[in-house]
């Protein structure tokens, strides 16, 4: 449900908040960290002194509460955004995205410049893609990584030079490969021998050879399994992406036989949401070993080390500062090349979440609050909101953890253990698995979930025929829709049975 009725919902929620405040003595507030005798409270989650406080690293840098206690994003109060655009609502801080893009690019530029080489930073479009976001990151000097014909179309619609695009994917269609080659895309990452031969035939048919040969990289699995969820780790060998270290040399040799393709480098990616640099360093060492052997048959100007740099989703997450991370990765590659007596190639990187994740906040309206006695001494508040796994599938897919705060007011009620859940017909429809919210959280409250800029909009779906929310960009006190909301009419327009029924009735 959307529109200006949110203001009515706010007033209606006031009475519910007053009732909840009177009844809050029946809830069990917690003021101690988790312990073995409280197994339902995550070990990392401790009750805050102030359940209204915003943990700085989790929220967009400019997010704050105003003198009334309302959450302000990009200079716009959250209740104003909800009243104008409805909820659920994806809010993206444009200035935060741009600043982070500049910061990441500067970090890798500085790290590589110390070694006399160049860096190219691609924005991994799968994290969040719209024409506006593409313009923001390319304005700040980034290239763009796409993985499907749809993502390619968005990047082109944003006006990006195809030479600044890279194409990924383990099963690119013939049509997608043809389109990429026709456009003169900057590079294509080869993921299988079938794709290699398919791409070579397409490029030959389109007259590519010599200086116009299609530039390609070979994706390599280094065998390094990053410390992350199994579904997010992409460099161990028993998975769908790329070639093993043993298989890669034969693939390289075959590419060098084909005049329509030009091998420009190797590519690897060890996973996502990674903290620390040890995994990147080990992967780099193995990749440089392969690079040293392969370059004997011809120079390779680029090593692409992928992305996967983590962000903070909760108060206990401690992502590695990007300048430290960039320096450590580049220094590790430089050391490995020096040991082997080979020149250091230019390096490429593909951050996505690290660019856009922290800049996003999702706003919801609380619909119901239900205290559930889960043990003799533990009550959990089930806080149901008007979205769920249709706008954020990550908790259901990966068990991802998020934070939450009431956005439309502050409260002096004691913190109570809460689980924020969605409206869908699944017990696993969880938005925030465990959080401490003020014990008087009530219907009509506006709830904000931070760090939703990456992989929430991208994974959004229509489960239970729920339309996908709009995306609103905020900047300097202004808000504008950059992706409009879906409507029920949009969903019904695809159902051809409706037209058939109408036709049948007309004929009768």
Protein backbone atom coordinates (compact mmCIF):
# COMPACT_ATOMS: atom_id res chain seq x y z
CA UNK A 1 0.00 0.00 0.00
CA UNK A 2 1.39 3.36 -0.99
CA UNK A 3 0.76 7.08 -1.06
CA UNK A 4 -0.22 9.92 1.22
CA UNK A 5 -2.30 7.64 3.45
CA UNK A 6 1.00 7.14 5.31
CA UNK A 7 0.28 10.34 7.21
CA UNK A 8 -3.00 8.82 8.39
CA UNK A 9 -1.12 5.67 9.33
CA UNK A 10 1.27 7.76 11.44
CA UNK A 11 -1.59 9.33 13.38
CA UNK A 12 -3.35 6.00 13.73
CA UNK A 13 -0.14 4.48 15.00
CA UNK A 14 0.09 7.02 17.83
CA UNK A 15 -2.74 5.41 19.76
CA UNK A 16 -1.17 2.02 19.23
CA UNK A 17 2.14 3.34 20.53
CA UNK A 18 0.48 4.71 23.63
CA UNK A 19 -1.24 1.37 24.27
CA UNK A 20 2.03 -0.47 23.65
CA UNK A 21 3.86 1.82 26.08
CA UNK A 22 1.32 1.00 28.79
CA UNK A 23 1.69 -2.71 28.09
CA UNK A 24 5.47 -2.77 27.67
CA UNK A 25 6.01 -4.07 31.21
CA UNK A 26 4.88 -7.45 29.90
CA UNK A 27 7.88 -7.58 27.54
CA UNK A 28 11.26 -8.79 28.69
CA UNK A 29 14.01 -6.21 28.09
CA UNK A 30 17.61 -7.42 28.03
CA UNK A 31 20.60 -5.46 29.22
CA UNK A 32 23.35 -8.08 28.96
CA UNK A 33 25.23 -9.71 26.13
CA UNK A 34 24.22 -13.10 24.88
CA UNK A 35 25.32 -16.05 26.95
CA UNK A 36 25.08 -19.87 26.70
CA UNK A 37 21.92 -19.84 28.79
CA UNK A 38 20.24 -17.59 26.19
CA UNK A 39 20.72 -19.67 23.04
CA UNK A 40 18.06 -17.80 21.08
CA UNK A 41 19.98 -14.53 21.33
CA UNK A 42 22.88 -14.46 18.83
CA UNK A 43 26.23 -14.50 20.60
CA UNK A 44 27.32 -11.29 18.90
CA UNK A 45 24.20 -9.30 19.76
CA UNK A 46 24.26 -7.19 22.91
CA UNK A 47 21.46 -4.94 24.11
CA UNK A 48 22.36 -1.32 23.39
CA UNK A 49 22.25 1.41 26.00
CA UNK A 50 20.18 3.40 23.50
CA UNK A 51 17.99 1.52 21.04
CA UNK A 52 17.63 4.71 18.98
CA UNK A 53 21.35 5.21 18.31
CA UNK A 54 22.68 4.77 14.78
CA UNK A 55 25.86 2.71 14.46
CA UNK A 56 27.95 4.96 12.23
CA UNK A 57 29.60 2.34 10.00
CA UNK A 58 26.29 0.67 9.16
CA UNK A 59 24.36 3.73 7.98
CA UNK A 60 25.08 6.16 5.13
CA UNK A 61 27.71 8.66 6.33
CA UNK A 62 25.26 11.59 6.39
CA UNK A 63 22.41 9.72 8.11
CA UNK A 64 21.37 11.25 11.42
CA UNK A 65 18.41 12.05 13.62
CA UNK A 66 17.04 15.59 13.63
CA UNK A 67 15.93 17.58 16.67
CA UNK A 68 12.58 15.74 16.62
CA UNK A 69 14.28 12.35 16.57
CA UNK A 70 13.33 11.57 12.98
CA UNK A 71 15.84 9.70 10.82
CA UNK A 72 17.22 11.93 8.05
CA UNK A 73 18.69 10.45 4.86
CA UNK A 74 20.42 12.67 2.31
CA UNK A 75 18.88 15.70 4.00
CA UNK A 76 15.31 14.33 3.79
CA UNK A 77 13.37 13.03 6.79
CA UNK A 78 12.36 9.40 6.51
CA UNK A 79 8.73 10.14 7.38
CA UNK A 80 8.60 12.62 4.48
CA UNK A 81 9.95 9.98 2.12
CA UNK A 82 7.38 7.44 3.32
CA UNK A 83 4.53 9.95 3.07
CA UNK A 84 5.52 10.93 -0.46
CA UNK A 85 6.55 7.60 -1.98
CA UNK A 86 4.99 4.93 0.26
CA UNK A 87 6.58 1.88 1.81
CA UNK A 88 8.39 -0.42 1.36
CA UNK A 89 10.86 2.04 -0.12
CA UNK A 90 14.45 1.67 -1.24
CA UNK A 91 16.35 4.88 -0.45
CA UNK A 92 19.76 5.43 -2.01
CA UNK A 93 22.07 8.25 -0.95
CA UNK A 94 23.55 9.52 -4.21
CA UNK A 95 26.31 11.48 -2.51
CA UNK A 96 27.36 8.41 -0.53
CA UNK A 97 27.58 6.29 -3.70
CA UNK A 98 29.61 8.92 -5.53
CA UNK A 99 31.93 9.55 -2.60
CA UNK A 100 32.56 5.84 -2.11
CA UNK A 101 33.26 5.35 -5.83
CA UNK A 102 35.85 8.13 -5.66
CA UNK A 103 37.35 6.70 -2.48
CA UNK A 104 37.71 3.19 -3.88
CA UNK A 105 39.19 4.40 -7.16
CA UNK A 106 41.65 6.65 -5.35
CA UNK A 107 42.72 3.80 -3.06
CA UNK A 108 43.54 1.43 -5.92
CA UNK A 109 45.08 4.20 -8.03
CA UNK A 110 47.41 5.09 -5.16
CA UNK A 111 48.26 1.47 -4.36
CA UNK A 112 49.19 0.63 -7.96
CA UNK A 113 50.96 3.93 -8.63
CA UNK A 114 53.46 3.07 -5.89
CA UNK A 115 54.53 0.15 -8.08
CA UNK A 116 54.48 2.02 -11.37
CA UNK A 117 51.39 0.32 -12.80
CA UNK A 118 47.76 1.28 -13.37
CA UNK A 119 44.50 0.07 -11.83
CA UNK A 120 41.11 -0.22 -13.46
CA UNK A 121 38.12 -0.35 -11.15
CA UNK A 122 34.89 -1.84 -12.49
CA UNK A 123 31.63 -1.32 -10.67
CA UNK A 124 30.03 -4.78 -10.32
CA UNK A 125 26.58 -4.00 -11.66
CA UNK A 126 24.94 -7.09 -10.17
CA UNK A 127 25.02 -5.38 -6.76
CA UNK A 128 22.59 -2.67 -7.89
CA UNK A 129 21.98 -1.52 -11.43
CA UNK A 130 19.96 1.35 -12.79
CA UNK A 131 20.82 3.96 -15.38
CA UNK A 132 21.25 6.63 -12.71
CA UNK A 133 23.62 4.53 -10.64
CA UNK A 134 25.63 3.68 -13.76
CA UNK A 135 25.95 7.40 -14.51
CA UNK A 136 27.05 8.13 -10.95
CA UNK A 137 29.86 5.58 -10.91
CA UNK A 138 31.08 6.29 -14.44
CA UNK A 139 31.07 10.02 -13.68
CA UNK A 140 33.48 9.17 -10.85
CA UNK A 141 35.82 7.29 -13.18
CA UNK A 142 34.73 3.66 -12.81
CA UNK A 143 34.15 1.15 -15.57
CA UNK A 144 31.16 -1.23 -15.29
CA UNK A 145 30.96 -5.02 -15.10
CA UNK A 146 27.77 -6.63 -16.47
CA UNK A 147 26.72 -10.27 -16.54
CA UNK A 148 23.63 -10.52 -18.76
CA UNK A 149 22.04 -8.93 -21.78
CA UNK A 150 19.69 -7.06 -19.46
CA UNK A 151 22.51 -5.55 -17.44
CA UNK A 152 24.29 -4.68 -20.67
CA UNK A 153 21.15 -2.91 -21.91
CA UNK A 154 20.94 -0.83 -18.72
CA UNK A 155 24.57 0.24 -19.02
CA UNK A 156 24.10 1.18 -22.67
CA UNK A 157 20.90 3.09 -21.87
CA UNK A 158 22.96 5.10 -19.38
CA UNK A 159 25.23 6.15 -22.21
CA UNK A 160 28.35 4.20 -21.25
CA UNK A 161 31.03 3.68 -23.89
CA UNK A 162 31.03 -0.09 -24.55
CA UNK A 163 34.83 -0.03 -24.29
CA UNK A 164 34.36 0.70 -20.56
CA UNK A 165 32.29 -2.46 -20.02
CA UNK A 166 33.27 -6.00 -19.10
CA UNK A 167 31.00 -9.01 -19.62
CA UNK A 168 30.85 -11.88 -17.14
CA UNK A 169 28.67 -14.96 -16.77
CA UNK A 170 28.98 -18.73 -16.83
CA UNK A 171 26.33 -19.25 -19.52
CA UNK A 172 26.25 -16.25 -21.82
CA UNK A 173 23.83 -16.80 -24.66
CA UNK A 174 24.79 -16.63 -28.31
CA UNK A 175 22.69 -13.47 -28.63
CA UNK A 176 24.47 -11.86 -25.68
CA UNK A 177 27.90 -12.71 -27.08
CA UNK A 178 26.95 -11.44 -30.52
CA UNK A 179 25.66 -8.18 -29.09
CA UNK A 180 28.80 -7.68 -27.02
CA UNK A 181 31.14 -8.29 -29.95
CA UNK A 182 29.07 -6.07 -32.25
CA UNK A 183 29.30 -3.24 -29.73
CA UNK A 184 33.05 -3.57 -29.29
CA UNK A 185 32.76 -4.36 -25.59
CA UNK A 186 35.94 -3.80 -23.63
CA UNK A 187 36.43 -7.39 -22.53
CA UNK A 188 34.66 -10.71 -22.14
CA UNK A 189 35.55 -13.15 -19.36
CA UNK A 190 35.62 -16.69 -20.75
CA UNK A 191 34.14 -19.27 -18.43
CA UNK A 192 34.11 -22.57 -20.37
CA UNK A 193 35.62 -24.23 -23.42
CA UNK A 194 32.22 -24.32 -25.12
CA UNK A 195 31.92 -20.57 -24.64
CA UNK A 196 35.45 -20.07 -25.93
CA UNK A 197 34.69 -21.79 -29.24
CA UNK A 198 31.29 -20.15 -29.49
CA UNK A 199 32.74 -16.68 -28.96
CA UNK A 200 35.60 -17.27 -31.40
CA UNK A 201 33.15 -18.29 -34.13
CA UNK A 202 30.99 -15.23 -33.51
CA UNK A 203 33.96 -12.87 -33.54
CA UNK A 204 35.30 -14.45 -36.73
CA UNK A 205 31.90 -14.15 -38.42
CA UNK A 206 31.82 -10.47 -37.46
CA UNK A 207 35.24 -9.91 -38.99
CA UNK A 208 37.24 -9.47 -35.79
CA UNK A 209 40.99 -10.07 -36.10
CA UNK A 210 44.27 -8.30 -35.48
CA UNK A 211 43.67 -4.95 -33.79
CA UNK A 212 39.92 -5.58 -33.77
CA UNK A 213 40.10 -9.07 -32.23
CA UNK A 214 37.76 -9.45 -29.27
CA UNK A 215 39.64 -8.96 -25.99
CA UNK A 216 39.12 -11.76 -23.49
CA UNK A 217 40.21 -12.85 -20.03
CA UNK A 218 40.18 -16.39 -18.65
CA UNK A 219 38.43 -16.94 -15.34
CA UNK A 220 40.53 -19.08 -13.02
CA UNK A 221 39.60 -20.82 -9.78
CA UNK A 222 42.60 -20.43 -7.51
CA UNK A 223 41.26 -22.92 -4.96
CA UNK A 224 41.11 -20.28 -2.22
CA UNK A 225 37.85 -20.56 -0.32
CA UNK A 226 37.14 -17.25 1.36
CA UNK A 227 35.69 -17.30 4.87
CA UNK A 228 32.12 -16.60 3.88
CA UNK A 229 28.86 -18.39 3.22
CA UNK A 230 29.30 -21.39 0.91
CA UNK A 231 26.95 -19.88 -1.65
CA UNK A 232 29.01 -16.66 -1.70
CA UNK A 233 32.44 -18.27 -2.06
CA UNK A 234 33.32 -18.61 -5.72
CA UNK A 235 36.96 -19.70 -6.00
CA UNK A 236 36.90 -23.27 -4.67
CA UNK A 237 37.01 -25.77 -7.49
CA UNK A 238 33.69 -27.59 -7.00
CA UNK A 239 31.51 -24.81 -8.43
CA UNK A 240 30.20 -23.50 -11.69
CA UNK A 241 32.57 -20.64 -12.46
CA UNK A 242 35.81 -20.72 -14.42
CA UNK A 243 38.72 -23.12 -14.92
CA UNK A 244 40.99 -24.85 -12.44
CA UNK A 245 44.65 -23.85 -12.23
CA UNK A 246 45.54 -27.09 -14.01
CA UNK A 247 43.05 -26.60 -16.84
CA UNK A 248 43.74 -22.93 -17.53
CA UNK A 249 47.01 -23.32 -19.54
CA UNK A 250 45.28 -25.39 -22.23
CA UNK A 251 42.50 -22.81 -22.48
CA UNK A 252 45.07 -20.05 -22.87
CA UNK A 253 46.89 -22.01 -25.56
CA UNK A 254 43.66 -22.50 -27.49
CA UNK A 255 42.80 -18.79 -27.36
CA UNK A 256 46.21 -17.95 -28.76
CA UNK A 257 45.46 -20.15 -31.76
CA UNK A 258 42.34 -18.16 -32.63
CA UNK A 259 42.88 -14.94 -34.62
CA UNK A 260 39.45 -13.56 -33.70
CA UNK A 261 40.30 -13.43 -29.97
CA UNK A 262 42.99 -11.52 -28.09
CA UNK A 263 43.97 -12.76 -24.64
CA UNK A 264 44.57 -9.79 -22.37
CA UNK A 265 44.59 -11.34 -18.92
CA UNK A 266 43.46 -13.69 -16.18
CA UNK A 267 40.54 -13.21 -13.86
CA UNK A 268 39.70 -14.61 -10.43
CA UNK A 269 37.16 -13.91 -7.72
CA UNK A 270 37.34 -15.58 -4.33
CA UNK A 271 33.93 -14.70 -2.90
CA UNK A 272 31.81 -11.94 -1.43
CA UNK A 273 31.46 -10.03 1.84
CA UNK A 274 35.09 -10.72 2.77
CA UNK A 275 36.88 -9.02 5.65
CA UNK A 276 40.67 -9.00 5.83
CA UNK A 277 43.27 -9.50 3.12
CA UNK A 278 44.78 -12.94 3.71
CA UNK A 279 42.46 -14.71 1.28
CA UNK A 280 43.19 -12.18 -1.45
CA UNK A 281 46.93 -12.50 -0.85
CA UNK A 282 46.90 -16.29 -1.08
CA UNK A 283 44.76 -16.24 -4.19
CA UNK A 284 47.07 -13.66 -5.76
CA UNK A 285 50.08 -15.87 -5.11
CA UNK A 286 48.50 -18.80 -6.91
CA UNK A 287 47.30 -16.63 -9.78
CA UNK A 288 50.76 -15.11 -10.22
CA UNK A 289 52.23 -18.63 -10.39
CA UNK A 290 49.95 -19.35 -13.33
CA UNK A 291 50.59 -15.93 -14.83
CA UNK A 292 54.35 -16.51 -14.73
CA UNK A 293 54.00 -19.74 -16.70
CA UNK A 294 51.51 -18.39 -19.23
CA UNK A 295 53.32 -15.16 -20.05
CA UNK A 296 56.17 -17.20 -21.55
CA UNK A 297 53.91 -17.67 -24.57
CA UNK A 298 53.04 -13.97 -24.82
CA UNK A 299 52.51 -10.96 -22.61
CA UNK A 300 49.34 -10.62 -20.52
CA UNK A 301 48.78 -6.99 -19.59
CA UNK A 302 46.08 -7.49 -16.92
CA UNK A 303 45.32 -9.51 -13.82
CA UNK A 304 41.74 -8.98 -12.64
CA UNK A 305 41.43 -9.89 -8.96
CA UNK A 306 37.66 -9.44 -8.73
CA UNK A 307 35.88 -7.91 -5.77
CA UNK A 308 34.03 -9.24 -2.75
CA UNK A 309 35.08 -6.55 -0.27
CA UNK A 310 32.78 -6.62 2.76
CA UNK A 311 30.71 -3.92 4.43
CA UNK A 312 29.21 -3.56 7.90
CA UNK A 313 25.67 -4.87 8.32
CA UNK A 314 25.67 -4.97 12.13
CA UNK A 315 27.50 -3.27 14.98
CA UNK A 316 30.06 -6.08 15.22
CA UNK A 317 31.10 -6.11 11.55
CA UNK A 318 34.54 -4.58 10.99
CA UNK A 319 35.29 -4.29 7.28
CA UNK A 320 38.87 -3.61 6.26
CA UNK A 321 39.40 0.07 5.32
CA UNK A 322 39.59 0.27 1.55
CA UNK A 323 42.98 2.01 1.45
CA UNK A 324 44.46 -0.71 3.67
CA UNK A 325 42.83 -3.44 1.62
CA UNK A 326 43.97 -2.00 -1.72
CA UNK A 327 47.53 -1.55 -0.48
CA UNK A 328 47.77 -5.05 0.94
CA UNK A 329 46.41 -6.76 -2.19
CA UNK A 330 48.57 -4.81 -4.62
CA UNK A 331 51.67 -5.24 -2.44
CA UNK A 332 51.03 -8.99 -2.29
CA UNK A 333 50.87 -9.26 -6.07
CA UNK A 334 54.00 -7.13 -6.40
CA UNK A 335 55.91 -9.38 -3.98
CA UNK A 336 54.88 -12.50 -5.84
CA UNK A 337 56.00 -11.03 -9.16
CA UNK A 338 59.29 -9.86 -7.67
CA UNK A 339 60.07 -13.30 -6.26
CA UNK A 340 59.56 -14.81 -9.70
CA UNK A 341 61.52 -12.10 -11.47
CA UNK A 342 58.63 -11.04 -13.71
CA UNK A 343 57.14 -7.59 -14.33
CA UNK A 344 54.04 -6.58 -12.43
CA UNK A 345 51.04 -6.31 -14.79
CA UNK A 346 48.28 -3.75 -14.52
CA UNK A 347 45.55 -4.79 -12.11
CA UNK A 348 41.76 -4.64 -12.24
CA UNK A 349 39.17 -4.92 -9.48
CA UNK A 350 35.38 -5.29 -9.37
CA UNK A 351 33.79 -3.88 -6.20
CA UNK A 352 30.00 -3.70 -6.12
CA UNK A 353 28.67 -4.06 -2.58
CA UNK A 354 31.61 -1.96 -1.34
CA UNK A 355 30.45 0.92 -3.54
CA UNK A 356 26.69 0.91 -3.06
CA UNK A 357 25.84 -1.26 -0.05
CA UNK A 358 26.17 1.23 2.79
CA UNK A 359 24.43 3.96 0.77
CA UNK A 360 21.09 2.13 0.80
CA UNK A 361 18.35 2.09 3.45
CA UNK A 362 14.98 0.36 3.16
CA UNK A 363 11.96 1.90 4.87
CA UNK A 364 8.99 -0.16 6.06
CA UNK A 365 5.82 0.49 8.02
CA UNK A 366 5.12 -1.72 11.02
CA UNK A 367 1.81 -3.53 10.66
CA UNK A 368 1.60 -5.79 13.71
CA UNK A 369 3.66 -6.49 16.82
CA UNK A 370 3.36 -9.83 18.53
CA UNK A 371 5.19 -10.80 21.76
CA UNK A 372 6.05 -14.51 21.63
CA UNK A 373 7.25 -16.39 24.70
CA UNK A 374 10.10 -18.52 23.35
CA UNK A 375 11.45 -19.78 26.68
CA UNK A 376 10.71 -19.44 30.39
CA UNK A 377 12.62 -16.17 30.63
CA UNK A 378 12.71 -14.94 27.06
CA UNK A 379 10.10 -13.05 25.08
CA UNK A 380 10.75 -12.13 21.48
CA UNK A 381 8.81 -9.39 19.72
CA UNK A 382 7.76 -10.36 16.22
CA UNK A 383 7.55 -7.08 14.34
CA UNK A 384 5.77 -7.53 11.01
CA UNK A 385 6.40 -5.01 8.23
CA UNK A 386 4.84 -4.37 4.85
CA UNK A 387 7.71 -5.90 2.83
CA UNK A 388 9.92 -8.91 3.36
CA UNK A 389 11.66 -11.51 1.25
CA UNK A 390 10.29 -9.95 -1.93
CA UNK A 391 12.39 -6.83 -1.39
CA UNK A 392 15.28 -8.45 0.53
CA UNK A 393 15.89 -12.11 -0.21
CA UNK A 394 19.36 -12.22 1.36
CA UNK A 395 18.31 -13.39 4.86
CA UNK A 396 16.36 -16.29 3.30
CA UNK A 397 19.12 -17.12 0.80
CA UNK A 398 22.20 -16.73 2.97
CA UNK A 399 21.06 -16.22 6.54
CA UNK A 400 22.29 -12.65 6.16
CA UNK A 401 22.15 -10.44 9.25
CA UNK A 402 20.82 -6.88 9.26
CA UNK A 403 20.14 -4.09 11.71
CA UNK A 404 17.03 -1.97 12.23
CA UNK A 405 15.89 1.22 13.94
CA UNK A 406 12.61 3.03 14.37
CA UNK A 407 12.88 5.90 11.90
CA UNK A 408 9.84 8.06 12.72
CA UNK A 409 10.56 8.82 16.39
CA UNK A 410 12.83 8.14 19.33
CA UNK A 411 11.76 6.24 22.42
CA UNK A 412 12.95 5.95 25.99
CA UNK A 413 11.41 2.47 26.33
CA UNK A 414 13.81 -0.28 27.37
CA UNK A 415 15.34 -2.29 24.51
CA UNK A 416 13.51 -5.54 23.76
CA UNK A 417 14.66 -8.46 21.65
CA UNK A 418 12.86 -8.30 18.31
CA UNK A 419 12.68 -10.18 15.03
CA UNK A 420 11.56 -8.14 12.04
CA UNK A 421 9.54 -10.31 9.66
CA UNK A 422 7.80 -9.80 6.34
CA UNK A 423 4.29 -10.31 5.09
CA UNK A 424 4.90 -13.38 2.92
CA UNK A 425 3.61 -16.91 3.39
CA UNK A 426 6.94 -18.34 4.54
CA UNK A 427 8.23 -18.88 8.06
CA UNK A 428 11.65 -17.98 6.68
CA UNK A 429 10.41 -14.55 5.60
CA UNK A 430 12.75 -12.72 7.96
CA UNK A 431 14.07 -9.22 7.36
CA UNK A 432 16.15 -8.83 10.53
CA UNK A 433 16.72 -12.02 12.47
CA UNK A 434 17.63 -10.46 15.80
CA UNK A 435 17.74 -6.84 16.92
CA UNK A 436 17.01 -4.77 20.00
CA UNK A 437 14.27 -2.25 19.34
CA UNK A 438 12.49 0.00 21.84
CA UNK A 439 9.95 -2.14 23.67
CA UNK A 440 7.12 0.18 22.64
CA UNK A 441 7.54 -0.42 18.89
CA UNK A 442 4.02 -0.43 17.52
CA UNK A 443 1.83 -0.47 14.40
CA UNK A 444 2.29 2.71 12.39
CA UNK A 445 5.96 3.08 13.27
CA UNK A 446 8.33 3.59 10.39
CA UNK A 447 11.19 1.10 10.49
CA UNK A 448 14.52 1.57 8.69
CA UNK A 449 16.91 -1.24 7.73
CA UNK A 450 20.37 0.04 6.73
CA UNK A 451 23.04 -1.39 4.42
CA UNK A 452 20.49 -2.52 1.83
CA UNK A 453 22.05 -0.85 -1.19
CA UNK A 454 23.49 -4.09 -2.56
CA UNK A 455 21.63 -7.22 -3.69
CA UNK A 456 18.23 -6.20 -2.31
CA UNK A 457 16.80 -4.35 -5.32
CA UNK A 458 18.78 -6.74 -7.55
CA UNK A 459 17.17 -9.84 -6.02
CA UNK A 460 13.69 -8.35 -5.61
CA UNK A 461 10.81 -10.57 -6.71
CA UNK A 462 7.03 -10.79 -6.87
CA UNK A 463 6.41 -13.61 -4.42
CA UNK A 464 2.73 -13.60 -3.35
CA UNK A 465 2.18 -11.16 -6.23
CA UNK A 466 3.67 -8.27 -4.29
CA UNK A 467 4.84 -5.44 -6.57
CA UNK A 468 8.48 -4.43 -6.25
CA UNK A 469 9.13 -1.14 -4.41
CA UNK A 470 10.42 2.04 -6.02
CA UNK A 471 13.97 3.33 -5.64
CA UNK A 472 14.36 6.92 -4.51
CA UNK A 473 17.64 8.83 -4.67
CA UNK A 474 18.29 11.47 -2.02
CA UNK A 475 20.85 14.26 -2.18
CA UNK A 476 21.16 17.64 -0.49
CA UNK A 477 17.61 17.63 0.83
CA UNK A 478 16.02 16.56 -2.46
CA UNK A 479 14.43 13.22 -3.35
CA UNK A 480 13.54 11.79 -6.74
CA UNK A 481 12.39 8.43 -8.05
CA UNK A 482 15.06 6.70 -10.13
CA UNK A 483 13.18 3.39 -10.52
CA UNK A 484 9.42 3.58 -10.31
CA UNK A 485 7.34 1.21 -8.22
CA UNK A 486 5.61 -1.72 -9.83
CA UNK A 487 1.83 -1.80 -9.60
CA UNK A 488 -0.72 -4.58 -9.52
CA UNK A 489 -1.63 -3.53 -13.07
CA UNK A 490 2.00 -4.15 -14.10
CA UNK A 491 1.76 -7.69 -12.75
CA UNK A 492 -1.62 -8.39 -14.32
CA UNK A 493 -0.47 -7.04 -17.68
CA UNK A 494 1.73 -10.11 -18.12
CA UNK A 495 -1.08 -12.57 -17.45
CA UNK A 496 -2.48 -13.39 -20.90
CA UNK A 497 -5.27 -15.39 -19.35
CA UNK A 498 -6.95 -12.12 -18.43
CA UNK A 499 -7.11 -11.08 -22.08
CA UNK A 500 -8.37 -14.52 -23.04
CA UNK A 501 -11.16 -14.31 -20.45
CA UNK A 502 -12.17 -10.87 -21.70
CA UNK A 503 -12.25 -12.14 -25.28
CA UNK A 504 -14.35 -15.13 -24.26
CA UNK A 505 -16.87 -12.92 -22.46
CA UNK A 506 -17.11 -10.56 -25.43
CA UNK A 507 -17.80 -13.43 -27.81
CA UNK A 508 -20.50 -14.79 -25.53
